[in-house]
PDB file of N, CA and C in Angstrom:
ATOM      1  N   MET A   1       0.847  -1.189   0.000  1.00  0.00           N
ATOM      2  CA  MET A   1       0.000   0.000   0.000  1.00  0.00           C
ATOM      3  C   MET A   1       0.887   1.245   0.000  1.00  0.00           C
ATOM      4  N   SER A   2       0.511   2.254  -0.748  1.00  0.00           N
ATOM      5  CA  SER A   2       1.305   3.477  -0.804  1.00  0.00           C
ATOM      6  C   SER A   2       0.932   4.421   0.324  1.00  0.00           C
ATOM      7  N   ASP A   3       1.922   5.205   0.703  1.00  0.00           N
ATOM      8  CA  ASP A   3       1.691   6.241   1.714  1.00  0.00           C
ATOM      9  C   ASP A   3       1.058   7.450   1.036  1.00  0.00           C
ATOM     10  N   VAL A   4       0.133   8.106   1.747  1.00  0.00           N
ATOM     11  CA  VAL A   4      -0.456   9.352   1.269  1.00  0.00           C
ATOM     12  C   VAL A   4       0.099  10.465   2.133  1.00  0.00           C
ATOM     13  N   ILE A   5       0.759  11.431   1.508  1.00  0.00           N
ATOM     14  CA  ILE A   5       1.404  12.538   2.209  1.00  0.00           C
ATOM     15  C   ILE A   5       0.808  13.838   1.674  1.00  0.00           C
ATOM     16  N   ASN A   6       0.365  14.705   2.564  1.00  0.00           N
ATOM     17  CA  ASN A   6      -0.131  16.016   2.138  1.00  0.00           C
ATOM     18  C   ASN A   6       1.032  16.882   1.663  1.00  0.00           C
ATOM     19  N   LEU A   7       0.750  17.767   0.731  1.00  0.00           N
ATOM     20  CA  LEU A   7       1.793  18.609   0.153  1.00  0.00           C
ATOM     21  C   LEU A   7       2.543  19.421   1.199  1.00  0.00           C
ATOM     22  N   HIS A   8       1.841  19.920   2.175  1.00  0.00           N
ATOM     23  CA  HIS A   8       2.508  20.721   3.207  1.00  0.00           C
ATOM     24  C   HIS A   8       3.589  19.902   3.900  1.00  0.00           C
ATOM     25  N   ALA A   9       3.292  18.668   4.249  1.00  0.00           N
ATOM     26  CA  ALA A   9       4.283  17.800   4.893  1.00  0.00           C
ATOM     27  C   ALA A   9       5.365  17.384   3.896  1.00  0.00           C
ATOM     28  N   ALA A  10       4.972  17.167   2.644  1.00  0.00           N
ATOM     29  CA  ALA A  10       5.931  16.725   1.630  1.00  0.00           C
ATOM     30  C   ALA A  10       6.999  17.779   1.363  1.00  0.00           C
ATOM     31  N   LYS A  11       6.642  19.053   1.488  1.00  0.00           N
ATOM     32  CA  LYS A  11       7.617  20.122   1.246  1.00  0.00           C
ATOM     33  C   LYS A  11       8.795  20.014   2.199  1.00  0.00           C
ATOM     34  N   THR A  12       8.539  19.620   3.433  1.00  0.00           N
ATOM     35  CA  THR A  12       9.615  19.538   4.417  1.00  0.00           C
ATOM     36  C   THR A  12      10.336  18.199   4.369  1.00  0.00           C
ATOM     37  N   GLN A  13       9.758  17.203   3.684  1.00  0.00           N
ATOM     38  CA  GLN A  13      10.343  15.866   3.642  1.00  0.00           C
ATOM     39  C   GLN A  13      10.717  15.425   2.230  1.00  0.00           C
ATOM     40  N   LEU A  14      10.778  16.342   1.297  1.00  0.00           N
ATOM     41  CA  LEU A  14      10.924  15.972  -0.112  1.00  0.00           C
ATOM     42  C   LEU A  14      12.128  15.067  -0.367  1.00  0.00           C
ATOM     43  N   SER A  15      13.271  15.422   0.174  1.00  0.00           N
ATOM     44  CA  SER A  15      14.475  14.618  -0.064  1.00  0.00           C
ATOM     45  C   SER A  15      14.272  13.186   0.432  1.00  0.00           C
ATOM     46  N   ARG A  16      13.706  13.036   1.591  1.00  0.00           N
ATOM     47  CA  ARG A  16      13.453  11.713   2.167  1.00  0.00           C
ATOM     48  C   ARG A  16      12.427  10.940   1.323  1.00  0.00           C
ATOM     49  N   LEU A  17      11.381  11.640   0.858  1.00  0.00           N
ATOM     50  CA  LEU A  17      10.361  10.997   0.035  1.00  0.00           C
ATOM     51  C   LEU A  17      10.932  10.537  -1.309  1.00  0.00           C
ATOM     52  N   VAL A  18      11.802  11.350  -1.895  1.00  0.00           N
ATOM     53  CA  VAL A  18      12.432  10.968  -3.156  1.00  0.00           C
ATOM     54  C   VAL A  18      13.308   9.733  -2.946  1.00  0.00           C
ATOM     55  N   ASP A  19      14.030   9.680  -1.835  1.00  0.00           N
ATOM     56  CA  ASP A  19      14.845   8.495  -1.534  1.00  0.00           C
ATOM     57  C   ASP A  19      13.968   7.249  -1.405  1.00  0.00           C
ATOM     58  N   ARG A  20      12.834   7.384  -0.753  1.00  0.00           N
ATOM     59  CA  ARG A  20      11.921   6.250  -0.594  1.00  0.00           C
ATOM     60  C   ARG A  20      11.371   5.803  -1.948  1.00  0.00           C
ATOM     61  N   ALA A  21      11.009   6.757  -2.782  1.00  0.00           N
ATOM     62  CA  ALA A  21      10.499   6.409  -4.112  1.00  0.00           C
ATOM     63  C   ALA A  21      11.584   5.728  -4.942  1.00  0.00           C
ATOM     64  N   HIS A  22      12.803   6.238  -4.841  1.00  0.00           N
ATOM     65  CA  HIS A  22      13.926   5.641  -5.565  1.00  0.00           C
ATOM     66  C   HIS A  22      14.153   4.199  -5.119  1.00  0.00           C
ATOM     67  N   ALA A  23      13.867   3.911  -3.855  1.00  0.00           N
ATOM     68  CA  ALA A  23      14.022   2.560  -3.317  1.00  0.00           C
ATOM     69  C   ALA A  23      12.876   1.640  -3.738  1.00  0.00           C
ATOM     70  N   GLY A  24      11.877   2.173  -4.430  1.00  0.00           N
ATOM     71  CA  GLY A  24      10.811   1.335  -4.950  1.00  0.00           C
ATOM     72  C   GLY A  24       9.431   1.599  -4.379  1.00  0.00           C
ATOM     73  N   GLU A  25       9.317   2.477  -3.399  1.00  0.00           N
ATOM     74  CA  GLU A  25       8.007   2.782  -2.819  1.00  0.00           C
ATOM     75  C   GLU A  25       7.226   3.726  -3.730  1.00  0.00           C
ATOM     76  N   GLU A  26       5.924   3.656  -3.617  1.00  0.00           N
ATOM     77  CA  GLU A  26       5.057   4.601  -4.314  1.00  0.00           C
ATOM     78  C   GLU A  26       4.503   5.550  -3.256  1.00  0.00           C
ATOM     79  N   ILE A  27       4.672   6.831  -3.467  1.00  0.00           N
ATOM     80  CA  ILE A  27       4.201   7.854  -2.538  1.00  0.00           C
ATOM     81  C   ILE A  27       3.110   8.653  -3.250  1.00  0.00           C
ATOM     82  N   ILE A  28       1.948   8.766  -2.618  1.00  0.00           N
ATOM     83  CA  ILE A  28       0.858   9.565  -3.162  1.00  0.00           C
ATOM     84  C   ILE A  28       0.901  10.931  -2.485  1.00  0.00           C
ATOM     85  N   LEU A  29       0.971  11.975  -3.287  1.00  0.00           N
ATOM     86  CA  LEU A  29       0.937  13.339  -2.765  1.00  0.00           C
ATOM     87  C   LEU A  29      -0.505  13.828  -2.818  1.00  0.00           C
ATOM     88  N   ALA A  30      -0.968  14.389  -1.710  1.00  0.00           N
ATOM     89  CA  ALA A  30      -2.360  14.828  -1.622  1.00  0.00           C
ATOM     90  C   ALA A  30      -2.408  16.330  -1.374  1.00  0.00           C
ATOM     91  N   LYS A  31      -3.475  16.944  -1.870  1.00  0.00           N
ATOM     92  CA  LYS A  31      -3.714  18.363  -1.645  1.00  0.00           C
ATOM     93  C   LYS A  31      -5.048  18.454  -0.922  1.00  0.00           C
ATOM     94  N   ALA A  32      -5.005  18.950   0.304  1.00  0.00           N
ATOM     95  CA  ALA A  32      -6.198  19.026   1.161  1.00  0.00           C
ATOM     96  C   ALA A  32      -6.831  17.646   1.341  1.00  0.00           C
ATOM     97  N   GLY A  33      -5.979  16.611   1.441  1.00  0.00           N
ATOM     98  CA  GLY A  33      -6.465  15.258   1.670  1.00  0.00           C
ATOM     99  C   GLY A  33      -6.909  14.514   0.435  1.00  0.00           C
ATOM    100  N   VAL A  34      -6.918  15.173  -0.717  1.00  0.00           N
ATOM    101  CA  VAL A  34      -7.355  14.544  -1.966  1.00  0.00           C
ATOM    102  C   VAL A  34      -6.116  14.136  -2.764  1.00  0.00           C
ATOM    103  N   PRO A  35      -5.993  12.860  -3.155  1.00  0.00           N
ATOM    104  CA  PRO A  35      -4.834  12.432  -3.945  1.00  0.00           C
ATOM    105  C   PRO A  35      -4.667  13.317  -5.183  1.00  0.00           C
ATOM    106  N   TYR A  36      -3.431  13.754  -5.403  1.00  0.00           N
ATOM    107  CA  TYR A  36      -3.158  14.755  -6.428  1.00  0.00           C
ATOM    108  C   TYR A  36      -2.086  14.295  -7.419  1.00  0.00           C
ATOM    109  N   ALA A  37      -1.047  13.607  -6.908  1.00  0.00           N
ATOM    110  CA  ALA A  37       0.068  13.178  -7.759  1.00  0.00           C
ATOM    111  C   ALA A  37       0.713  11.947  -7.137  1.00  0.00           C
ATOM    112  N   ARG A  38       1.519  11.294  -7.941  1.00  0.00           N
ATOM    113  CA  ARG A  38       2.177  10.074  -7.491  1.00  0.00           C
ATOM    114  C   ARG A  38       3.679  10.219  -7.678  1.00  0.00           C
ATOM    115  N   LEU A  39       4.438   9.844  -6.679  1.00  0.00           N
ATOM    116  CA  LEU A  39       5.896   9.882  -6.732  1.00  0.00           C
ATOM    117  C   LEU A  39       6.373   8.434  -6.826  1.00  0.00           C
ATOM    118  N   VAL A  40       6.961   8.089  -7.962  1.00  0.00           N
ATOM    119  CA  VAL A  40       7.411   6.717  -8.208  1.00  0.00           C
ATOM    120  C   VAL A  40       8.828   6.758  -8.768  1.00  0.00           C
ATOM    121  N   PRO A  41       9.565   5.643  -8.668  1.00  0.00           N
ATOM    122  CA  PRO A  41      10.915   5.641  -9.241  1.00  0.00           C
ATOM    123  C   PRO A  41      10.852   5.624 -10.761  1.00  0.00           C
ATOM    124  N   LEU A  42      11.859   6.205 -11.388  1.00  0.00           N
ATOM    125  CA  LEU A  42      11.966   6.156 -12.848  1.00  0.00           C
ATOM    126  C   LEU A  42      12.386   4.761 -13.273  1.00  0.00           C
ATOM    127  N   ALA A  43      11.842   4.317 -14.375  1.00  0.00           N
ATOM    128  CA  ALA A  43      12.278   3.040 -14.935  1.00  0.00           C
ATOM    129  C   ALA A  43      13.669   3.227 -15.537  1.00  0.00           C
ATOM    130  N   ALA A  44      14.478   2.216 -15.440  1.00  0.00           N
ATOM    131  CA  ALA A  44      15.820   2.291 -16.022  1.00  0.00           C
ATOM    132  C   ALA A  44      15.687   2.405 -17.535  1.00  0.00           C
ATOM    133  N   PRO A  45      16.447   3.305 -18.147  1.00  0.00           N
ATOM    134  CA  PRO A  45      16.346   3.444 -19.605  1.00  0.00           C
ATOM    135  C   PRO A  45      16.837   2.184 -20.312  1.00  0.00           C
ATOM    136  N   ALA A  46      16.198   1.857 -21.399  1.00  0.00           N
ATOM    137  CA  ALA A  46      16.617   0.694 -22.181  1.00  0.00           C
ATOM    138  C   ALA A  46      17.978   0.977 -22.807  1.00  0.00           C
ATOM    139  N   PRO A  47      18.852  -0.013 -22.835  1.00  0.00           N
ATOM    140  CA  PRO A  47      20.168   0.219 -23.442  1.00  0.00           C
ATOM    141  C   PRO A  47      20.032   0.453 -24.940  1.00  0.00           C
ATOM    142  N   ARG A  48      20.866   1.319 -25.446  1.00  0.00           N
ATOM    143  CA  ARG A  48      20.852   1.609 -26.874  1.00  0.00           C
ATOM    144  C   ARG A  48      21.901   0.746 -27.568  1.00  0.00           C
ATOM    145  N   HIS A  49      21.541   0.247 -28.726  1.00  0.00           N
ATOM    146  CA  HIS A  49      22.459  -0.591 -29.488  1.00  0.00           C
ATOM    147  C   HIS A  49      22.798   0.115 -30.792  1.00  0.00           C
ATOM    148  N   LEU A  50      24.084   0.308 -31.020  1.00  0.00           N
ATOM    149  CA  LEU A  50      24.519   0.957 -32.249  1.00  0.00           C
ATOM    150  C   LEU A  50      24.245   0.042 -33.438  1.00  0.00           C
ATOM    151  N   GLY A  51      23.868   0.638 -34.515  1.00  0.00           N
ATOM    152  CA  GLY A  51      23.661  -0.105 -35.744  1.00  0.00           C
ATOM    153  C   GLY A  51      22.334  -0.825 -35.828  1.00  0.00           C
ATOM    154  N   PHE A  52      21.372  -0.467 -34.990  1.00  0.00           N
ATOM    155  CA  PHE A  52      20.104  -1.185 -35.004  1.00  0.00           C
ATOM    156  C   PHE A  52      19.304  -0.951 -36.283  1.00  0.00           C
ATOM    157  N   LEU A  53      19.650   0.050 -37.064  1.00  0.00           N
ATOM    158  CA  LEU A  53      18.967   0.296 -38.333  1.00  0.00           C
ATOM    159  C   LEU A  53      19.801  -0.153 -39.541  1.00  0.00           C
ATOM    160  N   ALA A  54      20.866  -0.888 -39.290  1.00  0.00           N
ATOM    161  CA  ALA A  54      21.733  -1.326 -40.383  1.00  0.00           C
ATOM    162  C   ALA A  54      20.925  -2.118 -41.403  1.00  0.00           C
ATOM    163  N   GLY A  55      21.071  -1.742 -42.660  1.00  0.00           N
ATOM    164  CA  GLY A  55      20.370  -2.434 -43.730  1.00  0.00           C
ATOM    165  C   GLY A  55      18.940  -1.970 -43.945  1.00  0.00           C
ATOM    166  N   GLN A  56      18.426  -1.103 -43.085  1.00  0.00           N
ATOM    167  CA  GLN A  56      17.048  -0.639 -43.206  1.00  0.00           C
ATOM    168  C   GLN A  56      16.952   0.779 -43.761  1.00  0.00           C
ATOM    169  N   VAL A  57      18.059   1.509 -43.757  1.00  0.00           N
ATOM    170  CA  VAL A  57      18.057   2.896 -44.193  1.00  0.00           C
ATOM    171  C   VAL A  57      19.032   3.040 -45.353  1.00  0.00           C
ATOM    172  N   GLU A  58      18.596   3.704 -46.399  1.00  0.00           N
ATOM    173  CA  GLU A  58      19.461   3.960 -47.542  1.00  0.00           C
ATOM    174  C   GLU A  58      19.659   5.463 -47.688  1.00  0.00           C
ATOM    175  N   LEU A  59      20.868   5.860 -47.973  1.00  0.00           N
ATOM    176  CA  LEU A  59      21.173   7.261 -48.215  1.00  0.00           C
ATOM    177  C   LEU A  59      21.237   7.477 -49.714  1.00  0.00           C
ATOM    178  N   GLY A  60      20.676   8.578 -50.154  1.00  0.00           N
ATOM    179  CA  GLY A  60      20.706   8.882 -51.578  1.00  0.00           C
ATOM    180  C   GLY A  60      22.110   9.190 -52.053  1.00  0.00           C
ATOM    181  N   ALA A  61      22.341   9.050 -53.349  1.00  0.00           N
ATOM    182  CA  ALA A  61      23.663   9.302 -53.926  1.00  0.00           C
ATOM    183  C   ALA A  61      24.088  10.746 -53.706  1.00  0.00           C
ATOM    184  N   ASP A  62      23.146  11.688 -53.732  1.00  0.00           N
ATOM    185  CA  ASP A  62      23.495  13.090 -53.533  1.00  0.00           C
ATOM    186  C   ASP A  62      23.972  13.346 -52.115  1.00  0.00           C
ATOM    187  N   PHE A  63      23.484  12.596 -51.142  1.00  0.00           N
ATOM    188  CA  PHE A  63      23.961  12.765 -49.764  1.00  0.00           C
ATOM    189  C   PHE A  63      25.431  12.408 -49.676  1.00  0.00           C
ATOM    190  N   GLU A  64      25.786  11.285 -50.209  1.00  0.00           N
ATOM    191  CA  GLU A  64      27.169  10.823 -50.119  1.00  0.00           C
ATOM    192  C   GLU A  64      28.118  11.776 -50.834  1.00  0.00           C
ATOM    193  N   GLN A  65      27.698  12.300 -51.966  1.00  0.00           N
ATOM    194  CA  GLN A  65      28.586  13.161 -52.734  1.00  0.00           C
ATOM    195  C   GLN A  65      28.632  14.579 -52.174  1.00  0.00           C
ATOM    196  N   GLU A  66      27.475  15.162 -51.881  1.00  0.00           N
ATOM    197  CA  GLU A  66      27.407  16.565 -51.494  1.00  0.00           C
ATOM    198  C   GLU A  66      27.744  16.795 -50.018  1.00  0.00           C
ATOM    199  N   SER A  67      27.213  15.982 -49.156  1.00  0.00           N
ATOM    200  CA  SER A  67      27.310  16.260 -47.727  1.00  0.00           C
ATOM    201  C   SER A  67      28.660  15.924 -47.129  1.00  0.00           C
ATOM    202  N   LEU A  68      29.356  14.985 -47.721  1.00  0.00           N
ATOM    203  CA  LEU A  68      30.594  14.524 -47.097  1.00  0.00           C
ATOM    204  C   LEU A  68      31.854  15.138 -47.697  1.00  0.00           C
ATOM    205  N   ARG A  69      31.706  15.987 -48.676  1.00  0.00           N
ATOM    206  CA  ARG A  69      32.898  16.598 -49.240  1.00  0.00           C
ATOM    207  C   ARG A  69      33.373  17.719 -48.310  1.00  0.00           C
ATOM    208  N   PRO A  70      34.662  18.017 -48.290  1.00  0.00           N
ATOM    209  CA  PRO A  70      35.192  19.084 -47.430  1.00  0.00           C
ATOM    210  C   PRO A  70      34.647  20.448 -47.842  1.00  0.00           C
ATOM    211  N   LEU A  71      34.568  21.351 -46.879  1.00  0.00           N
ATOM    212  CA  LEU A  71      34.130  22.713 -47.175  1.00  0.00           C
ATOM    213  C   LEU A  71      35.212  23.450 -47.956  1.00  0.00           C
ATOM    214  N   ALA A  72      34.785  24.398 -48.743  1.00  0.00           N
ATOM    215  CA  ALA A  72      35.724  25.241 -49.476  1.00  0.00           C
ATOM    216  C   ALA A  72      36.522  26.072 -48.474  1.00  0.00           C
ATOM    217  N   GLU A  73      37.727  26.424 -48.841  1.00  0.00           N
ATOM    218  CA  GLU A  73      38.617  27.184 -47.950  1.00  0.00           C
ATOM    219  C   GLU A  73      37.974  28.472 -47.446  1.00  0.00           C
ATOM    220  N   GLU A  74      37.271  29.182 -48.318  1.00  0.00           N
ATOM    221  CA  GLU A  74      36.648  30.450 -47.901  1.00  0.00           C
ATOM    222  C   GLU A  74      35.566  30.207 -46.844  1.00  0.00           C
ATOM    223  N   LEU A  75      34.818  29.110 -46.949  1.00  0.00           N
ATOM    224  CA  LEU A  75      33.809  28.796 -45.947  1.00  0.00           C
ATOM    225  C   LEU A  75      34.455  28.396 -44.615  1.00  0.00           C
ATOM    226  N   LEU A  76      35.546  27.642 -44.709  1.00  0.00           N
ATOM    227  CA  LEU A  76      36.265  27.264 -43.473  1.00  0.00           C
ATOM    228  C   LEU A  76      36.764  28.516 -42.738  1.00  0.00           C
ATOM    229  N   ARG A  77      37.321  29.469 -43.484  1.00  0.00           N
ATOM    230  CA  ARG A  77      37.824  30.695 -42.865  1.00  0.00           C
ATOM    231  C   ARG A  77      36.659  31.497 -42.246  1.00  0.00           C
ATOM    232  N   ALA A  78      35.505  31.497 -42.892  1.00  0.00           N
ATOM    233  CA  ALA A  78      34.349  32.231 -42.361  1.00  0.00           C
ATOM    234  C   ALA A  78      33.888  31.650 -41.025  1.00  0.00           C
ATOM    235  N   TRP A  79      34.035  30.351 -40.836  1.00  0.00           N
ATOM    236  CA  TRP A  79      33.615  29.713 -39.575  1.00  0.00           C
ATOM    237  C   TRP A  79      34.623  29.927 -38.454  1.00  0.00           C
ATOM    238  N   GLU A  80      35.848  30.279 -38.784  1.00  0.00           N
ATOM    239  CA  GLU A  80      36.872  30.426 -37.742  1.00  0.00           C
ATOM    240  C   GLU A  80      36.854  31.748 -37.065  1.00  0.00           C
TER     241      GLU A  80
END
């Protein structure tokens, strides 16, 4: 069962409540005794795998030719 904490009390105990939520507890925040919000731990982000779109995405010929060529000397100087 989750604890119900009024906002006034939660303001003074926020750090402790966040620690409890991080440990897996669910804390219900109430305003004037009425449930208002829920404090729960964040789910761990899913790991990202490089190359997951390999073979599914094609780049146009103009991308390879135009986008990857070096900048002209005058443009390089303008950026410096």
